Amino acid sequence: MVAFCIHCAKGEIFKYDFEKIVMPHKIYRKRFCYGGLSFDKPGLTITNKCINCGKCKKACSFDAIFKEETQYKIDGNRCDECGSCYLVCPASAVIHKGN
């Protein structure tokens, strides 16, 4: 028997339903960390440059984009970071991790 101890780690748990049989969306992801580590928030981000055209929501096959009051938002737990919303945004309001 080999014993080991993990002092710090980070990871991500995915639940897929690409056919949307069990969930109303394709993916659910949850990031975690412990031992003093941190992680980046999952998903892309829509900034206040959003002009509310809705093109991002139509392009999102993961159903991760929703409208909250006057601006569209991305649910990071549902976002696969594919970039479809980023590519169609006429106002360059969607930013990815590199920005």
PDB file of N, CA and C in Angstrom:
ATOM      1  N   MET A   1       0.836  -1.175   0.000  1.00  0.00           N
ATOM      2  CA  MET A   1       0.000   0.000   0.000  1.00  0.00           C
ATOM      3  C   MET A   1       0.885   1.244   0.000  1.00  0.00           C
ATOM      4  N   VAL A   2       0.509   2.220  -0.792  1.00  0.00           N
ATOM      5  CA  VAL A   2       1.227   3.488  -0.864  1.00  0.00           C
ATOM      6  C   VAL A   2       0.306   4.583  -0.337  1.00  0.00           C
ATOM      7  N   ALA A   3       0.770   5.317   0.610  1.00  0.00           N
ATOM      8  CA  ALA A   3      -0.014   6.428   1.163  1.00  0.00           C
ATOM      9  C   ALA A   3       0.543   7.743   0.632  1.00  0.00           C
ATOM     10  N   PHE A   4      -0.347   8.643   0.317  1.00  0.00           N
ATOM     11  CA  PHE A   4       0.080   9.970  -0.125  1.00  0.00           C
ATOM     12  C   PHE A   4      -0.906  10.997   0.398  1.00  0.00           C
ATOM     13  N   CYS A   5      -0.462  12.237   0.400  1.00  0.00           N
ATOM     14  CA  CYS A   5      -1.291  13.330   0.892  1.00  0.00           C
ATOM     15  C   CYS A   5      -1.179  14.497  -0.084  1.00  0.00           C
ATOM     16  N   ILE A   6      -2.300  15.021  -0.514  1.00  0.00           N
ATOM     17  CA  ILE A   6      -2.310  16.180  -1.413  1.00  0.00           C
ATOM     18  C   ILE A   6      -2.552  17.413  -0.543  1.00  0.00           C
ATOM     19  N   HIS A   7      -1.606  18.329  -0.575  1.00  0.00           N
ATOM     20  CA  HIS A   7      -1.694  19.515   0.266  1.00  0.00           C
ATOM     21  C   HIS A   7      -2.449  20.658  -0.405  1.00  0.00           C
ATOM     22  N   CYS A   8      -2.316  20.758  -1.721  1.00  0.00           N
ATOM     23  CA  CYS A   8      -3.045  21.796  -2.441  1.00  0.00           C
ATOM     24  C   CYS A   8      -3.310  21.305  -3.859  1.00  0.00           C
ATOM     25  N   ALA A   9      -4.453  21.699  -4.385  1.00  0.00           N
ATOM     26  CA  ALA A   9      -4.833  21.259  -5.723  1.00  0.00           C
ATOM     27  C   ALA A   9      -5.967  22.137  -6.244  1.00  0.00           C
ATOM     28  N   LYS A  10      -6.169  22.052  -7.544  1.00  0.00           N
ATOM     29  CA  LYS A  10      -7.329  22.693  -8.162  1.00  0.00           C
ATOM     30  C   LYS A  10      -7.788  21.813  -9.309  1.00  0.00           C
ATOM     31  N   GLY A  11      -9.057  21.909  -9.629  1.00  0.00           N
ATOM     32  CA  GLY A  11      -9.601  21.076 -10.680  1.00  0.00           C
ATOM     33  C   GLY A  11     -10.962  21.549 -11.129  1.00  0.00           C
ATOM     34  N   GLU A  12     -11.573  20.732 -11.960  1.00  0.00           N
ATOM     35  CA  GLU A  12     -12.869  21.083 -12.525  1.00  0.00           C
ATOM     36  C   GLU A  12     -13.673  19.804 -12.733  1.00  0.00           C
ATOM     37  N   ILE A  13     -14.937  19.856 -12.388  1.00  0.00           N
ATOM     38  CA  ILE A  13     -15.846  18.728 -12.575  1.00  0.00           C
ATOM     39  C   ILE A  13     -16.817  19.120 -13.682  1.00  0.00           C
ATOM     40  N   PHE A  14     -17.003  18.233 -14.668  1.00  0.00           N
ATOM     41  CA  PHE A  14     -17.912  18.481 -15.781  1.00  0.00           C
ATOM     42  C   PHE A  14     -19.068  17.492 -15.742  1.00  0.00           C
ATOM     43  N   LYS A  15     -20.235  17.982 -16.106  1.00  0.00           N
ATOM     44  CA  LYS A  15     -21.385  17.124 -16.337  1.00  0.00           C
ATOM     45  C   LYS A  15     -21.896  17.479 -17.730  1.00  0.00           C
ATOM     46  N   TYR A  16     -21.873  16.522 -18.646  1.00  0.00           N
ATOM     47  CA  TYR A  16     -22.278  16.757 -20.025  1.00  0.00           C
ATOM     48  C   TYR A  16     -23.650  16.168 -20.308  1.00  0.00           C
ATOM     49  N   ASP A  17     -24.422  16.875 -21.131  1.00  0.00           N
ATOM     50  CA  ASP A  17     -25.692  16.383 -21.650  1.00  0.00           C
ATOM     51  C   ASP A  17     -25.898  17.057 -23.006  1.00  0.00           C
ATOM     52  N   PHE A  18     -25.088  16.657 -23.980  1.00  0.00           N
ATOM     53  CA  PHE A  18     -25.108  17.320 -25.281  1.00  0.00           C
ATOM     54  C   PHE A  18     -26.450  17.216 -25.989  1.00  0.00           C
ATOM     55  N   GLU A  19     -27.227  16.200 -25.688  1.00  0.00           N
ATOM     56  CA  GLU A  19     -28.554  16.044 -26.303  1.00  0.00           C
ATOM     57  C   GLU A  19     -29.635  16.793 -25.535  1.00  0.00           C
ATOM     58  N   LYS A  20     -29.291  17.397 -24.387  1.00  0.00           N
ATOM     59  CA  LYS A  20     -30.218  18.140 -23.531  1.00  0.00           C
ATOM     60  C   LYS A  20     -31.411  17.282 -23.110  1.00  0.00           C
ATOM     61  N   ILE A  21     -31.129  16.054 -22.702  1.00  0.00           N
ATOM     62  CA  ILE A  21     -32.173  15.141 -22.256  1.00  0.00           C
ATOM     63  C   ILE A  21     -32.444  15.319 -20.761  1.00  0.00           C
ATOM     64  N   VAL A  22     -31.394  15.418 -19.964  1.00  0.00           N
ATOM     65  CA  VAL A  22     -31.518  15.533 -18.513  1.00  0.00           C
ATOM     66  C   VAL A  22     -31.497  16.988 -18.049  1.00  0.00           C
ATOM     67  N   MET A  23     -30.678  17.803 -18.694  1.00  0.00           N
ATOM     68  CA  MET A  23     -30.548  19.224 -18.331  1.00  0.00           C
ATOM     69  C   MET A  23     -31.041  20.091 -19.477  1.00  0.00           C
ATOM     70  N   PRO A  24     -31.462  21.329 -19.214  1.00  0.00           N
ATOM     71  CA  PRO A  24     -31.896  22.224 -20.295  1.00  0.00           C
ATOM     72  C   PRO A  24     -30.721  22.905 -21.001  1.00  0.00           C
ATOM     73  N   HIS A  25     -29.504  22.483 -20.697  1.00  0.00           N
ATOM     74  CA  HIS A  25     -28.304  23.017 -21.315  1.00  0.00           C
ATOM     75  C   HIS A  25     -27.320  21.875 -21.515  1.00  0.00           C
ATOM     76  N   LYS A  26     -26.246  22.101 -22.284  1.00  0.00           N
ATOM     77  CA  LYS A  26     -25.335  21.023 -22.656  1.00  0.00           C
ATOM     78  C   LYS A  26     -24.316  20.643 -21.597  1.00  0.00           C
ATOM     79  N   ILE A  27     -23.909  21.587 -20.784  1.00  0.00           N
ATOM     80  CA  ILE A  27     -22.793  21.339 -19.881  1.00  0.00           C
ATOM     81  C   ILE A  27     -23.027  22.050 -18.554  1.00  0.00           C
ATOM     82  N   TYR A  28     -22.540  21.454 -17.498  1.00  0.00           N
ATOM     83  CA  TYR A  28     -22.460  22.130 -16.210  1.00  0.00           C
ATOM     84  C   TYR A  28     -21.071  21.842 -15.670  1.00  0.00           C
ATOM     85  N   ARG A  29     -20.358  22.879 -15.289  1.00  0.00           N
ATOM     86  CA  ARG A  29     -19.004  22.706 -14.788  1.00  0.00           C
ATOM     87  C   ARG A  29     -18.830  23.435 -13.474  1.00  0.00           C
ATOM     88  N   LYS A  30     -18.023  22.874 -12.641  1.00  0.00           N
ATOM     89  CA  LYS A  30     -17.767  23.451 -11.330  1.00  0.00           C
ATOM     90  C   LYS A  30     -16.272  23.378 -11.075  1.00  0.00           C
ATOM     91  N   ARG A  31     -15.659  24.513 -10.803  1.00  0.00           N
ATOM     92  CA  ARG A  31     -14.237  24.557 -10.484  1.00  0.00           C
ATOM     93  C   ARG A  31     -14.052  24.563  -8.978  1.00  0.00           C
ATOM     94  N   PHE A  32     -12.950  23.989  -8.526  1.00  0.00           N
ATOM     95  CA  PHE A  32     -12.662  23.944  -7.101  1.00  0.00           C
ATOM     96  C   PHE A  32     -11.163  24.060  -6.867  1.00  0.00           C
ATOM     97  N   CYS A  33     -10.807  24.429  -5.655  1.00  0.00           N
ATOM     98  CA  CYS A  33      -9.405  24.477  -5.249  1.00  0.00           C
ATOM     99  C   CYS A  33      -9.337  24.399  -3.735  1.00  0.00           C
ATOM    100  N   TYR A  34      -8.185  24.015  -3.244  1.00  0.00           N
ATOM    101  CA  TYR A  34      -7.955  24.009  -1.802  1.00  0.00           C
ATOM    102  C   TYR A  34      -6.460  24.101  -1.538  1.00  0.00           C
ATOM    103  N   GLY A  35      -6.121  24.329  -0.304  1.00  0.00           N
ATOM    104  CA  GLY A  35      -4.722  24.444   0.077  1.00  0.00           C
ATOM    105  C   GLY A  35      -4.093  25.771  -0.306  1.00  0.00           C
ATOM    106  N   GLY A  36      -4.907  26.816  -0.410  1.00  0.00           N
ATOM    107  CA  GLY A  36      -4.368  28.136  -0.718  1.00  0.00           C
ATOM    108  C   GLY A  36      -4.290  28.474  -2.196  1.00  0.00           C
ATOM    109  N   LEU A  37      -4.656  27.564  -3.082  1.00  0.00           N
ATOM    110  CA  LEU A  37      -4.646  27.855  -4.516  1.00  0.00           C
ATOM    111  C   LEU A  37      -5.918  28.608  -4.904  1.00  0.00           C
ATOM    112  N   SER A  38      -5.895  29.211  -6.075  1.00  0.00           N
ATOM    113  CA  SER A  38      -7.076  29.893  -6.601  1.00  0.00           C
ATOM    114  C   SER A  38      -7.277  29.460  -8.043  1.00  0.00           C
ATOM    115  N   PHE A  39      -8.437  29.781  -8.599  1.00  0.00           N
ATOM    116  CA  PHE A  39      -8.716  29.441  -9.989  1.00  0.00           C
ATOM    117  C   PHE A  39      -9.404  30.607 -10.673  1.00  0.00           C
ATOM    118  N   ASP A  40      -9.287  30.661 -12.001  1.00  0.00           N
ATOM    119  CA  ASP A  40      -9.987  31.668 -12.792  1.00  0.00           C
ATOM    120  C   ASP A  40     -11.464  31.307 -12.853  1.00  0.00           C
ATOM    121  N   LYS A  41     -12.304  32.306 -12.811  1.00  0.00           N
ATOM    122  CA  LYS A  41     -13.741  32.099 -12.950  1.00  0.00           C
ATOM    123  C   LYS A  41     -14.006  31.477 -14.322  1.00  0.00           C
ATOM    124  N   PRO A  42     -14.835  30.436 -14.420  1.00  0.00           N
ATOM    125  CA  PRO A  42     -15.089  29.817 -15.718  1.00  0.00           C
ATOM    126  C   PRO A  42     -15.944  30.704 -16.615  1.00  0.00           C
ATOM    127  N   GLY A  43     -15.804  30.511 -17.917  1.00  0.00           N
ATOM    128  CA  GLY A  43     -16.636  31.209 -18.891  1.00  0.00           C
ATOM    129  C   GLY A  43     -16.054  32.515 -19.388  1.00  0.00           C
ATOM    130  N   LEU A  44     -16.614  32.992 -20.479  1.00  0.00           N
ATOM    131  CA  LEU A  44     -16.253  34.296 -21.024  1.00  0.00           C
ATOM    132  C   LEU A  44     -17.075  35.357 -20.299  1.00  0.00           C
ATOM    133  N   THR A  45     -16.794  36.626 -20.586  1.00  0.00           N
ATOM    134  CA  THR A  45     -17.460  37.727 -19.893  1.00  0.00           C
ATOM    135  C   THR A  45     -18.001  38.734 -20.899  1.00  0.00           C
ATOM    136  N   ILE A  46     -19.185  39.246 -20.640  1.00  0.00           N
ATOM    137  CA  ILE A  46     -19.756  40.326 -21.446  1.00  0.00           C
ATOM    138  C   ILE A  46     -19.592  41.611 -20.645  1.00  0.00           C
ATOM    139  N   THR A  47     -18.925  42.582 -21.242  1.00  0.00           N
ATOM    140  CA  THR A  47     -18.646  43.847 -20.568  1.00  0.00           C
ATOM    141  C   THR A  47     -19.802  44.833 -20.766  1.00  0.00           C
ATOM    142  N   ASN A  48     -19.651  46.022 -20.194  1.00  0.00           N
ATOM    143  CA  ASN A  48     -20.699  47.049 -20.325  1.00  0.00           C
ATOM    144  C   ASN A  48     -20.718  47.696 -21.710  1.00  0.00           C
ATOM    145  N   LYS A  49     -19.909  47.232 -22.636  1.00  0.00           N
ATOM    146  CA  LYS A  49     -19.975  47.691 -24.030  1.00  0.00           C
ATOM    147  C   LYS A  49     -21.157  47.054 -24.765  1.00  0.00           C
ATOM    148  N   CYS A  50     -21.823  46.108 -24.109  1.00  0.00           N
ATOM    149  CA  CYS A  50     -22.936  45.367 -24.707  1.00  0.00           C
ATOM    150  C   CYS A  50     -24.018  46.331 -25.208  1.00  0.00           C
ATOM    151  N   ILE A  51     -24.470  46.123 -26.446  1.00  0.00           N
ATOM    152  CA  ILE A  51     -25.507  46.974 -27.037  1.00  0.00           C
ATOM    153  C   ILE A  51     -26.867  46.250 -27.081  1.00  0.00           C
ATOM    154  N   ASN A  52     -26.960  45.096 -26.417  1.00  0.00           N
ATOM    155  CA  ASN A  52     -28.204  44.330 -26.291  1.00  0.00           C
ATOM    156  C   ASN A  52     -28.798  43.887 -27.618  1.00  0.00           C
ATOM    157  N   CYS A  53     -27.954  43.502 -28.564  1.00  0.00           N
ATOM    158  CA  CYS A  53     -28.456  43.052 -29.859  1.00  0.00           C
ATOM    159  C   CYS A  53     -28.921  41.596 -29.819  1.00  0.00           C
ATOM    160  N   GLY A  54     -28.413  40.806 -28.871  1.00  0.00           N
ATOM    161  CA  GLY A  54     -28.829  39.419 -28.729  1.00  0.00           C
ATOM    162  C   GLY A  54     -28.118  38.430 -29.632  1.00  0.00           C
ATOM    163  N   LYS A  55     -27.163  38.894 -30.432  1.00  0.00           N
ATOM    164  CA  LYS A  55     -26.453  37.990 -31.337  1.00  0.00           C
ATOM    165  C   LYS A  55     -25.655  36.933 -30.580  1.00  0.00           C
ATOM    166  N   CYS A  56     -25.124  37.303 -29.443  1.00  0.00           N
ATOM    167  CA  CYS A  56     -24.352  36.355 -28.633  1.00  0.00           C
ATOM    168  C   CYS A  56     -25.237  35.214 -28.145  1.00  0.00           C
ATOM    169  N   LYS A  57     -26.432  35.550 -27.667  1.00  0.00           N
ATOM    170  CA  LYS A  57     -27.376  34.539 -27.159  1.00  0.00           C
ATOM    171  C   LYS A  57     -27.775  33.568 -28.260  1.00  0.00           C
ATOM    172  N   LYS A  58     -28.010  34.087 -29.463  1.00  0.00           N
ATOM    173  CA  LYS A  58     -28.382  33.229 -30.590  1.00  0.00           C
ATOM    174  C   LYS A  58     -27.232  32.317 -31.000  1.00  0.00           C
ATOM    175  N   ALA A  59     -26.001  32.797 -30.884  1.00  0.00           N
ATOM    176  CA  ALA A  59     -24.832  32.017 -31.292  1.00  0.00           C
ATOM    177  C   ALA A  59     -24.425  30.960 -30.272  1.00  0.00           C
ATOM    178  N   CYS A  60     -24.875  31.092 -29.035  1.00  0.00           N
ATOM    179  CA  CYS A  60     -24.444  30.195 -27.953  1.00  0.00           C
ATOM    180  C   CYS A  60     -25.219  28.878 -27.996  1.00  0.00           C
ATOM    181  N   SER A  61     -24.550  27.808 -28.390  1.00  0.00           N
ATOM    182  CA  SER A  61     -25.198  26.495 -28.431  1.00  0.00           C
ATOM    183  C   SER A  61     -25.224  25.828 -27.059  1.00  0.00           C
ATOM    184  N   PHE A  62     -24.589  26.443 -26.067  1.00  0.00           N
ATOM    185  CA  PHE A  62     -24.562  25.885 -24.719  1.00  0.00           C
ATOM    186  C   PHE A  62     -25.620  26.496 -23.805  1.00  0.00           C
ATOM    187  N   ASP A  63     -26.430  27.418 -24.317  1.00  0.00           N
ATOM    188  CA  ASP A  63     -27.468  28.090 -23.534  1.00  0.00           C
ATOM    189  C   ASP A  63     -26.901  28.712 -22.263  1.00  0.00           C
ATOM    190  N   ALA A  64     -25.737  29.329 -22.399  1.00  0.00           N
ATOM    191  CA  ALA A  64     -25.061  29.938 -21.247  1.00  0.00           C
ATOM    192  C   ALA A  64     -25.334  31.430 -21.130  1.00  0.00           C
ATOM    193  N   ILE A  65     -25.949  32.033 -22.139  1.00  0.00           N
ATOM    194  CA  ILE A  65     -26.153  33.480 -22.146  1.00  0.00           C
ATOM    195  C   ILE A  65     -27.610  33.801 -21.826  1.00  0.00           C
ATOM    196  N   PHE A  66     -27.790  34.754 -20.932  1.00  0.00           N
ATOM    197  CA  PHE A  66     -29.125  35.169 -20.523  1.00  0.00           C
ATOM    198  C   PHE A  66     -29.124  36.685 -20.358  1.00  0.00           C
ATOM    199  N   LYS A  67     -30.312  37.273 -20.385  1.00  0.00           N
ATOM    200  CA  LYS A  67     -30.420  38.718 -20.206  1.00  0.00           C
ATOM    201  C   LYS A  67     -30.787  39.013 -18.762  1.00  0.00           C
ATOM    202  N   GLU A  68     -30.001  39.875 -18.147  1.00  0.00           N
ATOM    203  CA  GLU A  68     -30.255  40.301 -16.772  1.00  0.00           C
ATOM    204  C   GLU A  68     -30.474  41.803 -16.793  1.00  0.00           C
ATOM    205  N   GLU A  69     -31.685  42.206 -16.502  1.00  0.00           N
ATOM    206  CA  GLU A  69     -32.097  43.608 -16.550  1.00  0.00           C
ATOM    207  C   GLU A  69     -31.820  44.196 -17.932  1.00  0.00           C
ATOM    208  N   THR A  70     -30.770  44.981 -18.099  1.00  0.00           N
ATOM    209  CA  THR A  70     -30.544  45.655 -19.387  1.00  0.00           C
ATOM    210  C   THR A  70     -29.333  45.132 -20.148  1.00  0.00           C
ATOM    211  N   GLN A  71     -28.708  44.066 -19.667  1.00  0.00           N
ATOM    212  CA  GLN A  71     -27.495  43.582 -20.329  1.00  0.00           C
ATOM    213  C   GLN A  71     -27.455  42.055 -20.331  1.00  0.00           C
ATOM    214  N   TYR A  72     -26.851  41.503 -21.370  1.00  0.00           N
ATOM    215  CA  TYR A  72     -26.661  40.063 -21.438  1.00  0.00           C
ATOM    216  C   TYR A  72     -25.494  39.660 -20.546  1.00  0.00           C
ATOM    217  N   LYS A  73     -25.606  38.468 -19.966  1.00  0.00           N
ATOM    218  CA  LYS A  73     -24.578  37.908 -19.074  1.00  0.00           C
ATOM    219  C   LYS A  73     -24.292  36.474 -19.503  1.00  0.00           C
ATOM    220  N   ILE A  74     -23.143  35.954 -19.082  1.00  0.00           N
ATOM    221  CA  ILE A  74     -22.765  34.578 -19.367  1.00  0.00           C
ATOM    222  C   ILE A  74     -22.668  33.806 -18.058  1.00  0.00           C
ATOM    223  N   ASP A  75     -23.370  32.687 -17.988  1.00  0.00           N
ATOM    224  CA  ASP A  75     -23.268  31.786 -16.842  1.00  0.00           C
ATOM    225  C   ASP A  75     -22.021  30.932 -17.060  1.00  0.00           C
ATOM    226  N   GLY A  76     -20.968  31.217 -16.327  1.00  0.00           N
ATOM    227  CA  GLY A  76     -19.689  30.532 -16.499  1.00  0.00           C
ATOM    228  C   GLY A  76     -19.756  29.040 -16.271  1.00  0.00           C
ATOM    229  N   ASN A  77     -20.686  28.597 -15.444  1.00  0.00           N
ATOM    230  CA  ASN A  77     -20.821  27.162 -15.196  1.00  0.00           C
ATOM    231  C   ASN A  77     -21.413  26.419 -16.387  1.00  0.00           C
ATOM    232  N   ARG A  78     -22.054  27.149 -17.285  1.00  0.00           N
ATOM    233  CA  ARG A  78     -22.613  26.529 -18.495  1.00  0.00           C
ATOM    234  C   ARG A  78     -21.765  26.805 -19.736  1.00  0.00           C
ATOM    235  N   CYS A  79     -20.864  27.754 -19.661  1.00  0.00           N
ATOM    236  CA  CYS A  79     -20.055  28.183 -20.813  1.00  0.00           C
ATOM    237  C   CYS A  79     -18.895  27.214 -21.053  1.00  0.00           C
ATOM    238  N   ASP A  80     -18.732  26.814 -22.308  1.00  0.00           N
ATOM    239  CA  ASP A  80     -17.632  25.925 -22.676  1.00  0.00           C
ATOM    240  C   ASP A  80     -16.435  26.713 -23.205  1.00  0.00           C
ATOM    241  N   GLU A  81     -16.541  28.046 -23.224  1.00  0.00           N
ATOM    242  CA  GLU A  81     -15.481  28.935 -23.694  1.00  0.00           C
ATOM    243  C   GLU A  81     -15.120  28.656 -25.162  1.00  0.00           C
ATOM    244  N   CYS A  82     -16.141  28.329 -25.972  1.00  0.00           N
ATOM    245  CA  CYS A  82     -15.919  28.013 -27.385  1.00  0.00           C
ATOM    246  C   CYS A  82     -15.628  29.255 -28.216  1.00  0.00           C
ATOM    247  N   GLY A  83     -16.128  30.417 -27.785  1.00  0.00           N
ATOM    248  CA  GLY A  83     -15.859  31.662 -28.486  1.00  0.00           C
ATOM    249  C   GLY A  83     -16.881  32.059 -29.531  1.00  0.00           C
ATOM    250  N   SER A  84     -17.970  31.312 -29.666  1.00  0.00           N
ATOM    251  CA  SER A  84     -18.993  31.660 -30.662  1.00  0.00           C
ATOM    252  C   SER A  84     -19.568  33.050 -30.409  1.00  0.00           C
ATOM    253  N   CYS A  85     -19.830  33.380 -29.151  1.00  0.00           N
ATOM    254  CA  CYS A  85     -20.376  34.694 -28.806  1.00  0.00           C
ATOM    255  C   CYS A  85     -19.344  35.794 -29.083  1.00  0.00           C
ATOM    256  N   TYR A  86     -18.113  35.507 -28.814  1.00  0.00           N
ATOM    257  CA  TYR A  86     -17.013  36.451 -29.041  1.00  0.00           C
ATOM    258  C   TYR A  86     -16.919  36.822 -30.526  1.00  0.00           C
ATOM    259  N   LEU A  87     -17.083  35.829 -31.386  1.00  0.00           N
ATOM    260  CA  LEU A  87     -16.942  36.036 -32.826  1.00  0.00           C
ATOM    261  C   LEU A  87     -18.082  36.842 -33.437  1.00  0.00           C
ATOM    262  N   VAL A  88     -19.300  36.749 -32.881  1.00  0.00           N
ATOM    263  CA  VAL A  88     -20.447  37.432 -33.481  1.00  0.00           C
ATOM    264  C   VAL A  88     -20.756  38.800 -32.872  1.00  0.00           C
ATOM    265  N   CYS A  89     -20.121  39.151 -31.775  1.00  0.00           N
ATOM    266  CA  CYS A  89     -20.447  40.406 -31.090  1.00  0.00           C
ATOM    267  C   CYS A  89     -19.988  41.617 -31.903  1.00  0.00           C
ATOM    268  N   PRO A  90     -20.930  42.462 -32.365  1.00  0.00           N
ATOM    269  CA  PRO A  90     -20.551  43.632 -33.171  1.00  0.00           C
ATOM    270  C   PRO A  90     -19.913  44.756 -32.343  1.00  0.00           C
ATOM    271  N   ALA A  91     -20.096  44.714 -31.026  1.00  0.00           N
ATOM    272  CA  ALA A  91     -19.585  45.786 -30.159  1.00  0.00           C
ATOM    273  C   ALA A  91     -18.295  45.394 -29.431  1.00  0.00           C
ATOM    274  N   SER A  92     -17.778  44.198 -29.712  1.00  0.00           N
ATOM    275  CA  SER A  92     -16.590  43.686 -29.024  1.00  0.00           C
ATOM    276  C   SER A  92     -16.772  43.715 -27.500  1.00  0.00           C
ATOM    277  N   ALA A  93     -17.984  43.384 -27.061  1.00  0.00           N
ATOM    278  CA  ALA A  93     -18.291  43.409 -25.639  1.00  0.00           C
ATOM    279  C   ALA A  93     -17.916  42.113 -24.920  1.00  0.00           C
ATOM    280  N   VAL A  94     -17.707  41.045 -25.671  1.00  0.00           N
ATOM    281  CA  VAL A  94     -17.345  39.760 -25.066  1.00  0.00           C
ATOM    282  C   VAL A  94     -15.828  39.669 -24.989  1.00  0.00           C
ATOM    283  N   ILE A  95     -15.339  39.369 -23.817  1.00  0.00           N
ATOM    284  CA  ILE A  95     -13.896  39.224 -23.641  1.00  0.00           C
ATOM    285  C   ILE A  95     -13.589  37.800 -23.189  1.00  0.00           C
ATOM    286  N   HIS A  96     -12.449  37.322 -23.635  1.00  0.00           N
ATOM    287  CA  HIS A  96     -12.014  35.989 -23.229  1.00  0.00           C
ATOM    288  C   HIS A  96     -10.885  36.113 -22.213  1.00  0.00           C
ATOM    289  N   LYS A  97     -10.403  34.999 -21.758  1.00  0.00           N
ATOM    290  CA  LYS A  97      -9.420  34.992 -20.679  1.00  0.00           C
ATOM    291  C   LYS A  97      -8.144  35.777 -21.002  1.00  0.00           C
ATOM    292  N   GLY A  98      -7.786  35.850 -22.248  1.00  0.00           N
ATOM    293  CA  GLY A  98      -6.553  36.519 -22.654  1.00  0.00           C
ATOM    294  C   GLY A  98      -6.632  38.029 -22.611  1.00  0.00           C
ATOM    295  N   ASN A  99      -7.839  38.596 -22.477  1.00  0.00           N
ATOM    296  CA  ASN A  99      -8.000  40.062 -22.480  1.00  0.00           C
ATOM    297  C   ASN A  99      -8.034  40.624 -21.094  1.00  0.00           C
TER     298      ASN A  99
END
